[in-house]
């Protein structure tokens, strides 16, 4: 067990800068839209198309989770728990045990089907109510108004 933990720590030491850059970029992007552009959604997909993306509500789900509001987290995005697993797999994909368990095509197919099925369900039964709101100032609609 100790050897297994040491192998993970070695991988973390090797990839700490990559992890820090990705997380820092995401935080900076979110802060920019939170404080500077208050009326513009942070989601690029929603900015362009106006409809929510498959990950819509996941940030609000984690904010609820940090406040220990499990029910609220599941309300905003029921698959919020899957994201840390995917991040773990991406970071530790070179490790034998992780590669054997998670890096099969079946894992990625199941994750994709779960996200797609939830997205379709939410578009049919939740949209346009929160957390799946429509953004009327989207790029496509503004372009179509000119024609």
N, C-alpha and C. Protein backbone atom coordinates (compact mmCIF):
# COMPACT_ATOMS: atom_id res chain seq x y z
N UNK A 1 0.83 -1.20 0.00
CA UNK A 1 0.00 0.00 0.00
C UNK A 1 0.87 1.26 0.00
N UNK A 2 1.95 1.22 0.79
CA UNK A 2 2.83 2.37 0.89
C UNK A 2 3.50 2.64 -0.45
N UNK A 3 3.88 1.57 -1.16
CA UNK A 3 4.51 1.72 -2.47
C UNK A 3 3.54 2.38 -3.46
N UNK A 4 2.29 1.97 -3.40
CA UNK A 4 1.25 2.51 -4.27
C UNK A 4 1.07 4.01 -4.03
N UNK A 5 1.02 4.43 -2.76
CA UNK A 5 0.88 5.85 -2.42
C UNK A 5 2.10 6.63 -2.88
N UNK A 6 3.28 6.06 -2.70
CA UNK A 6 4.51 6.74 -3.13
C UNK A 6 4.53 6.95 -4.64
N UNK A 7 4.01 5.98 -5.40
CA UNK A 7 3.96 6.14 -6.86
C UNK A 7 3.04 7.30 -7.24
N UNK A 8 1.91 7.46 -6.56
CA UNK A 8 1.01 8.58 -6.83
C UNK A 8 1.66 9.91 -6.47
N UNK A 9 2.37 9.94 -5.36
CA UNK A 9 3.04 11.18 -4.97
C UNK A 9 4.11 11.58 -5.97
N UNK A 10 4.79 10.61 -6.54
CA UNK A 10 5.80 10.90 -7.57
C UNK A 10 5.14 11.51 -8.80
N UNK A 11 4.00 10.95 -9.21
CA UNK A 11 3.29 11.49 -10.37
C UNK A 11 2.81 12.91 -10.07
N UNK A 12 2.30 13.15 -8.86
CA UNK A 12 1.87 14.50 -8.49
C UNK A 12 3.03 15.49 -8.52
N UNK A 13 4.19 15.06 -8.06
CA UNK A 13 5.37 15.93 -8.08
C UNK A 13 5.78 16.26 -9.51
N UNK A 14 5.62 15.31 -10.42
CA UNK A 14 6.01 15.53 -11.81
C UNK A 14 5.01 16.45 -12.54
N UNK A 15 3.74 16.36 -12.19
CA UNK A 15 2.70 17.10 -12.92
C UNK A 15 2.12 18.28 -12.15
N UNK A 16 2.73 18.69 -11.06
CA UNK A 16 2.16 19.75 -10.23
C UNK A 16 2.02 21.06 -10.99
N UNK A 17 2.99 21.38 -11.85
CA UNK A 17 2.92 22.63 -12.59
C UNK A 17 1.77 22.61 -13.60
N UNK A 18 1.59 21.50 -14.29
CA UNK A 18 0.48 21.39 -15.24
C UNK A 18 -0.87 21.52 -14.54
N UNK A 19 -1.01 20.85 -13.41
CA UNK A 19 -2.25 20.91 -12.64
C UNK A 19 -2.50 22.34 -12.15
N UNK A 20 -1.47 22.99 -11.67
CA UNK A 20 -1.59 24.36 -11.18
C UNK A 20 -1.97 25.34 -12.29
N UNK A 21 -1.38 25.19 -13.46
CA UNK A 21 -1.68 26.07 -14.59
C UNK A 21 -3.13 25.88 -15.04
N UNK A 22 -3.58 24.65 -15.16
CA UNK A 22 -4.96 24.39 -15.59
C UNK A 22 -5.96 24.93 -14.57
N UNK A 23 -5.75 24.63 -13.30
CA UNK A 23 -6.67 25.10 -12.26
C UNK A 23 -6.63 26.63 -12.15
N UNK A 24 -5.44 27.21 -12.23
CA UNK A 24 -5.32 28.67 -12.17
C UNK A 24 -6.00 29.34 -13.34
N UNK A 25 -5.87 28.77 -14.54
CA UNK A 25 -6.54 29.32 -15.71
C UNK A 25 -8.05 29.28 -15.58
N UNK A 26 -8.57 28.17 -15.08
CA UNK A 26 -10.02 28.06 -14.89
C UNK A 26 -10.53 29.04 -13.84
N UNK A 27 -9.78 29.19 -12.75
CA UNK A 27 -10.18 30.14 -11.71
C UNK A 27 -10.12 31.57 -12.24
N UNK A 28 -9.06 31.91 -12.98
CA UNK A 28 -8.93 33.26 -13.54
C UNK A 28 -10.06 33.56 -14.52
N UNK A 29 -10.38 32.60 -15.37
CA UNK A 29 -11.48 32.78 -16.32
C UNK A 29 -12.80 33.00 -15.60
N UNK A 30 -13.06 32.20 -14.58
CA UNK A 30 -14.31 32.33 -13.82
C UNK A 30 -14.37 33.67 -13.08
N UNK A 31 -13.26 34.08 -12.48
CA UNK A 31 -13.24 35.35 -11.77
C UNK A 31 -13.44 36.53 -12.72
N UNK A 32 -12.85 36.44 -13.90
CA UNK A 32 -13.00 37.51 -14.88
C UNK A 32 -14.48 37.72 -15.21
N UNK A 33 -15.18 36.64 -15.48
CA UNK A 33 -16.59 36.77 -15.82
C UNK A 33 -17.47 37.05 -14.61
N UNK A 34 -17.03 36.65 -13.42
CA UNK A 34 -17.82 36.92 -12.23
C UNK A 34 -17.79 38.39 -11.84
N UNK A 35 -16.62 39.00 -11.94
CA UNK A 35 -16.47 40.37 -11.46
C UNK A 35 -16.52 41.43 -12.55
N UNK A 36 -16.05 41.12 -13.73
CA UNK A 36 -15.98 42.13 -14.80
C UNK A 36 -17.25 42.13 -15.64
N UNK A 37 -17.65 40.96 -16.12
CA UNK A 37 -18.82 40.85 -16.99
C UNK A 37 -19.94 40.14 -16.24
N UNK A 38 -20.64 40.87 -15.39
CA UNK A 38 -21.64 40.24 -14.52
C UNK A 38 -22.85 39.70 -15.27
N UNK A 39 -23.20 40.31 -16.40
CA UNK A 39 -24.39 39.88 -17.14
C UNK A 39 -24.09 38.82 -18.19
N UNK A 40 -22.82 38.49 -18.39
CA UNK A 40 -22.42 37.52 -19.41
C UNK A 40 -22.11 36.20 -18.72
N UNK A 41 -22.70 35.10 -19.20
CA UNK A 41 -22.38 33.80 -18.58
C UNK A 41 -20.93 33.40 -18.84
N UNK A 42 -20.34 32.71 -17.88
CA UNK A 42 -18.95 32.28 -18.02
C UNK A 42 -18.80 31.16 -19.05
N UNK A 43 -19.86 30.47 -19.35
CA UNK A 43 -19.82 29.35 -20.28
C UNK A 43 -19.74 29.84 -21.73
N UNK A 44 -18.70 29.47 -22.42
CA UNK A 44 -18.50 29.89 -23.82
C UNK A 44 -19.60 29.31 -24.70
N UNK A 45 -20.02 28.09 -24.44
CA UNK A 45 -21.09 27.43 -25.20
C UNK A 45 -22.37 28.25 -25.11
N UNK A 46 -22.70 28.69 -23.90
CA UNK A 46 -23.91 29.49 -23.70
C UNK A 46 -23.77 30.87 -24.33
N UNK A 47 -22.56 31.43 -24.33
CA UNK A 47 -22.34 32.73 -24.97
C UNK A 47 -22.57 32.65 -26.48
N UNK A 48 -22.21 31.55 -27.08
CA UNK A 48 -22.33 31.40 -28.53
C UNK A 48 -23.73 30.96 -28.94
N UNK A 49 -24.24 29.90 -28.33
CA UNK A 49 -25.50 29.29 -28.77
C UNK A 49 -26.72 29.72 -27.95
N UNK A 50 -26.52 30.19 -26.74
CA UNK A 50 -27.62 30.61 -25.90
C UNK A 50 -28.22 29.51 -25.05
N UNK A 51 -28.03 28.26 -25.43
CA UNK A 51 -28.56 27.15 -24.64
C UNK A 51 -27.44 26.63 -23.73
N UNK A 52 -27.79 26.00 -22.63
CA UNK A 52 -26.78 25.51 -21.71
C UNK A 52 -25.99 24.34 -22.29
N UNK A 53 -24.78 24.19 -21.81
CA UNK A 53 -23.92 23.09 -22.26
C UNK A 53 -24.17 21.86 -21.37
N UNK A 54 -23.60 20.70 -21.71
CA UNK A 54 -23.80 19.50 -20.89
C UNK A 54 -23.27 19.65 -19.46
N UNK A 55 -22.34 20.55 -19.25
CA UNK A 55 -21.79 20.75 -17.90
C UNK A 55 -22.45 21.89 -17.15
N UNK A 56 -23.53 22.41 -17.68
CA UNK A 56 -24.20 23.57 -17.08
C UNK A 56 -24.63 23.25 -15.65
N UNK A 57 -24.23 24.10 -14.73
CA UNK A 57 -24.60 23.94 -13.34
C UNK A 57 -23.56 23.25 -12.50
N UNK A 58 -22.47 22.78 -13.09
CA UNK A 58 -21.49 22.01 -12.32
C UNK A 58 -20.73 22.90 -11.34
N UNK A 59 -20.47 24.16 -11.71
CA UNK A 59 -19.80 25.08 -10.78
C UNK A 59 -20.71 25.36 -9.60
N UNK A 60 -21.98 25.62 -9.87
CA UNK A 60 -22.93 25.86 -8.79
C UNK A 60 -23.11 24.61 -7.93
N UNK A 61 -23.00 23.43 -8.54
CA UNK A 61 -23.09 22.19 -7.77
C UNK A 61 -21.93 22.08 -6.78
N UNK A 62 -20.73 22.43 -7.23
CA UNK A 62 -19.57 22.38 -6.33
C UNK A 62 -19.65 23.46 -5.25
N UNK A 63 -20.20 24.62 -5.59
CA UNK A 63 -20.38 25.65 -4.56
C UNK A 63 -21.35 25.15 -3.48
N UNK A 64 -22.41 24.48 -3.89
CA UNK A 64 -23.34 23.88 -2.92
C UNK A 64 -22.64 22.81 -2.10
N UNK A 65 -21.84 22.00 -2.75
CA UNK A 65 -21.13 20.93 -2.05
C UNK A 65 -20.17 21.50 -1.01
N UNK A 66 -19.48 22.59 -1.33
CA UNK A 66 -18.57 23.22 -0.38
C UNK A 66 -19.32 23.79 0.83
N UNK A 67 -20.61 24.09 0.64
CA UNK A 67 -21.45 24.55 1.75
C UNK A 67 -22.21 23.38 2.38
N UNK A 68 -21.82 22.16 2.03
CA UNK A 68 -22.40 20.92 2.54
C UNK A 68 -23.88 20.78 2.20
N UNK A 69 -24.28 21.35 1.08
CA UNK A 69 -25.65 21.23 0.59
C UNK A 69 -25.68 20.18 -0.52
N UNK A 70 -25.76 18.92 -0.12
CA UNK A 70 -25.72 17.81 -1.08
C UNK A 70 -26.93 17.85 -2.00
N UNK A 71 -28.09 18.14 -1.45
CA UNK A 71 -29.32 18.20 -2.26
C UNK A 71 -29.21 19.29 -3.33
N UNK A 72 -28.69 20.44 -2.97
CA UNK A 72 -28.49 21.52 -3.92
C UNK A 72 -27.48 21.15 -4.99
N UNK A 73 -26.42 20.44 -4.59
CA UNK A 73 -25.41 20.01 -5.56
C UNK A 73 -26.02 19.08 -6.60
N UNK A 74 -26.84 18.14 -6.16
CA UNK A 74 -27.50 17.24 -7.11
C UNK A 74 -28.54 17.98 -7.96
N UNK A 75 -29.12 19.03 -7.42
CA UNK A 75 -30.09 19.82 -8.19
C UNK A 75 -29.40 20.52 -9.35
N UNK A 76 -28.24 21.12 -9.09
CA UNK A 76 -27.57 21.88 -10.14
C UNK A 76 -26.92 20.99 -11.18
N UNK A 77 -26.31 19.89 -10.77
CA UNK A 77 -25.76 18.94 -11.75
C UNK A 77 -25.57 17.58 -11.08
N UNK A 78 -26.43 16.62 -11.41
CA UNK A 78 -26.38 15.31 -10.75
C UNK A 78 -25.09 14.52 -10.96
N UNK A 79 -24.29 14.88 -11.96
CA UNK A 79 -23.05 14.14 -12.20
C UNK A 79 -21.82 14.90 -11.72
N UNK A 80 -21.97 15.78 -10.74
CA UNK A 80 -20.83 16.53 -10.24
C UNK A 80 -19.77 15.61 -9.64
N UNK A 81 -20.16 14.49 -9.11
CA UNK A 81 -19.24 13.54 -8.48
C UNK A 81 -18.34 12.83 -9.50
N UNK A 82 -18.73 12.84 -10.77
CA UNK A 82 -17.96 12.14 -11.80
C UNK A 82 -16.72 12.93 -12.24
N UNK A 83 -16.77 14.24 -12.12
CA UNK A 83 -15.67 15.09 -12.57
C UNK A 83 -14.36 14.82 -11.83
N UNK A 84 -14.34 14.69 -10.49
CA UNK A 84 -13.07 14.35 -9.83
C UNK A 84 -12.52 12.99 -10.24
N UNK A 85 -13.40 12.05 -10.54
CA UNK A 85 -12.93 10.74 -10.99
C UNK A 85 -12.25 10.87 -12.35
N UNK A 86 -12.85 11.64 -13.26
CA UNK A 86 -12.26 11.86 -14.57
C UNK A 86 -10.93 12.58 -14.44
N UNK A 87 -10.86 13.60 -13.57
CA UNK A 87 -9.60 14.32 -13.35
C UNK A 87 -8.53 13.39 -12.80
N UNK A 88 -8.91 12.52 -11.87
CA UNK A 88 -7.98 11.54 -11.30
C UNK A 88 -7.43 10.62 -12.39
N UNK A 89 -8.31 10.16 -13.25
CA UNK A 89 -7.89 9.27 -14.34
C UNK A 89 -6.93 9.98 -15.29
N UNK A 90 -7.24 11.24 -15.62
CA UNK A 90 -6.37 11.98 -16.54
C UNK A 90 -5.00 12.23 -15.91
N UNK A 91 -4.97 12.58 -14.65
CA UNK A 91 -3.69 12.87 -13.99
C UNK A 91 -2.86 11.60 -13.82
N UNK A 92 -3.49 10.52 -13.40
CA UNK A 92 -2.75 9.29 -13.09
C UNK A 92 -2.88 8.23 -14.17
N UNK A 93 -3.07 8.62 -15.42
CA UNK A 93 -3.31 7.63 -16.48
C UNK A 93 -2.09 6.77 -16.79
N UNK A 94 -0.91 7.17 -16.39
CA UNK A 94 0.27 6.36 -16.66
C UNK A 94 0.52 5.29 -15.59
N UNK A 95 -0.21 5.37 -14.50
CA UNK A 95 -0.06 4.39 -13.44
C UNK A 95 -0.74 3.09 -13.85
N UNK A 96 -0.10 1.97 -13.61
CA UNK A 96 -0.60 0.67 -14.05
C UNK A 96 -2.01 0.37 -13.56
N UNK A 97 -2.25 0.55 -12.27
CA UNK A 97 -3.57 0.18 -11.71
C UNK A 97 -4.67 1.08 -12.24
N UNK A 98 -4.41 2.36 -12.33
CA UNK A 98 -5.42 3.29 -12.85
C UNK A 98 -5.67 2.99 -14.32
N UNK A 99 -4.61 2.77 -15.07
CA UNK A 99 -4.73 2.50 -16.51
C UNK A 99 -5.54 1.23 -16.74
N UNK A 100 -5.32 0.22 -15.92
CA UNK A 100 -6.02 -1.05 -16.08
C UNK A 100 -7.52 -0.91 -15.78
N UNK A 101 -7.86 -0.13 -14.76
CA UNK A 101 -9.26 -0.02 -14.35
C UNK A 101 -10.03 1.01 -15.17
N UNK A 102 -9.46 2.21 -15.32
CA UNK A 102 -10.24 3.32 -15.86
C UNK A 102 -9.95 3.70 -17.30
N UNK A 103 -8.81 3.35 -17.81
CA UNK A 103 -8.45 3.86 -19.14
C UNK A 103 -8.92 2.96 -20.28
N UNK A 104 -9.85 2.12 -20.00
CA UNK A 104 -10.42 1.33 -21.09
C UNK A 104 -11.43 2.18 -21.83
N UNK A 105 -11.69 1.86 -23.07
CA UNK A 105 -12.69 2.65 -23.82
C UNK A 105 -14.08 2.59 -23.17
N UNK A 106 -14.38 1.52 -22.45
CA UNK A 106 -15.70 1.39 -21.82
C UNK A 106 -15.93 2.48 -20.78
N UNK A 107 -14.89 2.83 -20.02
CA UNK A 107 -15.02 3.89 -19.02
C UNK A 107 -15.42 5.20 -19.69
N UNK A 108 -14.73 5.55 -20.77
CA UNK A 108 -15.00 6.81 -21.45
C UNK A 108 -16.35 6.79 -22.17
N UNK A 109 -16.73 5.64 -22.69
CA UNK A 109 -18.04 5.52 -23.34
C UNK A 109 -19.16 5.68 -22.30
N UNK A 110 -19.00 5.05 -21.15
CA UNK A 110 -20.00 5.16 -20.09
C UNK A 110 -20.11 6.60 -19.60
N UNK A 111 -18.98 7.26 -19.39
CA UNK A 111 -19.00 8.67 -18.96
C UNK A 111 -19.69 9.54 -20.00
N UNK A 112 -19.39 9.34 -21.26
CA UNK A 112 -19.99 10.12 -22.33
C UNK A 112 -21.49 9.89 -22.41
N UNK A 113 -21.91 8.63 -22.30
CA UNK A 113 -23.34 8.31 -22.35
C UNK A 113 -24.08 8.92 -21.16
N UNK A 114 -23.47 8.87 -19.97
CA UNK A 114 -24.10 9.47 -18.80
C UNK A 114 -24.31 10.97 -18.99
N UNK A 115 -23.25 11.67 -19.44
CA UNK A 115 -23.37 13.12 -19.64
C UNK A 115 -24.37 13.45 -20.74
N UNK A 116 -24.34 12.71 -21.83
CA UNK A 116 -25.26 12.98 -22.93
C UNK A 116 -26.71 12.69 -22.54
N UNK A 117 -26.93 11.58 -21.86
CA UNK A 117 -28.30 11.23 -21.43
C UNK A 117 -28.83 12.26 -20.44
N UNK A 118 -28.00 12.68 -19.50
CA UNK A 118 -28.44 13.69 -18.55
C UNK A 118 -28.71 15.03 -19.25
N UNK A 119 -27.87 15.38 -20.20
CA UNK A 119 -28.05 16.63 -20.95
C UNK A 119 -29.38 16.62 -21.71
N UNK A 120 -29.67 15.54 -22.39
CA UNK A 120 -30.92 15.43 -23.15
C UNK A 120 -32.12 15.47 -22.19
N UNK A 121 -32.02 14.74 -21.09
CA UNK A 121 -33.10 14.74 -20.09
C UNK A 121 -33.35 16.15 -19.56
N UNK A 122 -32.26 16.86 -19.23
CA UNK A 122 -32.41 18.20 -18.68
C UNK A 122 -32.94 19.19 -19.72
N UNK A 123 -32.56 19.03 -20.98
CA UNK A 123 -33.10 19.90 -22.02
C UNK A 123 -34.59 19.67 -22.22
N UNK A 124 -35.04 18.41 -22.08
CA UNK A 124 -36.46 18.10 -22.27
C UNK A 124 -37.29 18.50 -21.05
N UNK A 125 -36.83 18.18 -19.85
CA UNK A 125 -37.66 18.33 -18.66
C UNK A 125 -37.33 19.55 -17.79
N UNK A 126 -36.16 20.14 -17.90
CA UNK A 126 -35.78 21.25 -17.03
C UNK A 126 -35.71 22.57 -17.78
N UNK A 127 -35.18 22.57 -18.99
CA UNK A 127 -34.98 23.78 -19.78
C UNK A 127 -36.31 24.47 -20.04
N UNK A 128 -36.46 25.73 -19.95
CA UNK A 128 -35.55 26.85 -19.67
C UNK A 128 -35.54 27.30 -18.22
N UNK A 129 -35.86 26.44 -17.29
CA UNK A 129 -35.84 26.79 -15.87
C UNK A 129 -34.44 26.61 -15.30
N UNK A 130 -34.14 27.27 -14.16
CA UNK A 130 -32.81 27.11 -13.55
C UNK A 130 -32.54 25.65 -13.24
N UNK A 131 -31.36 25.16 -13.41
CA UNK A 131 -30.12 25.83 -13.80
C UNK A 131 -29.88 25.84 -15.31
N UNK A 132 -30.87 25.54 -16.09
CA UNK A 132 -30.71 25.44 -17.55
C UNK A 132 -31.35 26.63 -18.26
N UNK A 133 -30.93 27.86 -17.92
CA UNK A 133 -31.54 29.06 -18.48
C UNK A 133 -31.05 29.33 -19.90
N UNK A 134 -31.87 30.06 -20.63
CA UNK A 134 -31.53 30.51 -21.97
C UNK A 134 -30.85 31.87 -21.87
N UNK A 135 -29.81 32.10 -22.67
CA UNK A 135 -29.11 33.38 -22.70
C UNK A 135 -29.49 34.10 -23.99
N UNK A 136 -30.35 35.12 -23.91
CA UNK A 136 -30.89 35.75 -25.13
C UNK A 136 -29.88 36.59 -25.92
N UNK A 137 -28.78 37.00 -25.32
CA UNK A 137 -27.80 37.82 -26.03
C UNK A 137 -26.68 36.99 -26.64
N UNK A 138 -26.98 35.76 -27.00
CA UNK A 138 -25.95 34.87 -27.55
C UNK A 138 -25.49 35.34 -28.93
N UNK A 139 -24.33 34.86 -29.32
CA UNK A 139 -23.71 35.30 -30.57
C UNK A 139 -24.53 34.92 -31.79
N UNK A 140 -25.05 33.71 -31.84
CA UNK A 140 -25.83 33.25 -32.99
C UNK A 140 -27.06 34.14 -33.19
N UNK A 141 -27.76 34.44 -32.11
CA UNK A 141 -28.96 35.27 -32.22
C UNK A 141 -28.62 36.70 -32.66
N UNK A 142 -27.51 37.23 -32.16
CA UNK A 142 -27.11 38.58 -32.58
C UNK A 142 -26.70 38.62 -34.05
N UNK A 143 -26.07 37.55 -34.53
CA UNK A 143 -25.71 37.49 -35.97
C UNK A 143 -26.95 37.37 -36.82
N UNK A 144 -27.91 36.52 -36.42
CA UNK A 144 -29.13 36.32 -37.19
C UNK A 144 -30.00 37.58 -37.23
N UNK A 145 -29.90 38.44 -36.23
CA UNK A 145 -30.67 39.68 -36.24
C UNK A 145 -30.23 40.62 -37.35
N UNK A 146 -28.96 40.51 -37.76
CA UNK A 146 -28.44 41.39 -38.81
C UNK A 146 -28.90 40.98 -40.20
N UNK A 147 -29.46 39.80 -40.33
CA UNK A 147 -29.88 39.33 -41.67
C UNK A 147 -31.35 39.41 -41.84
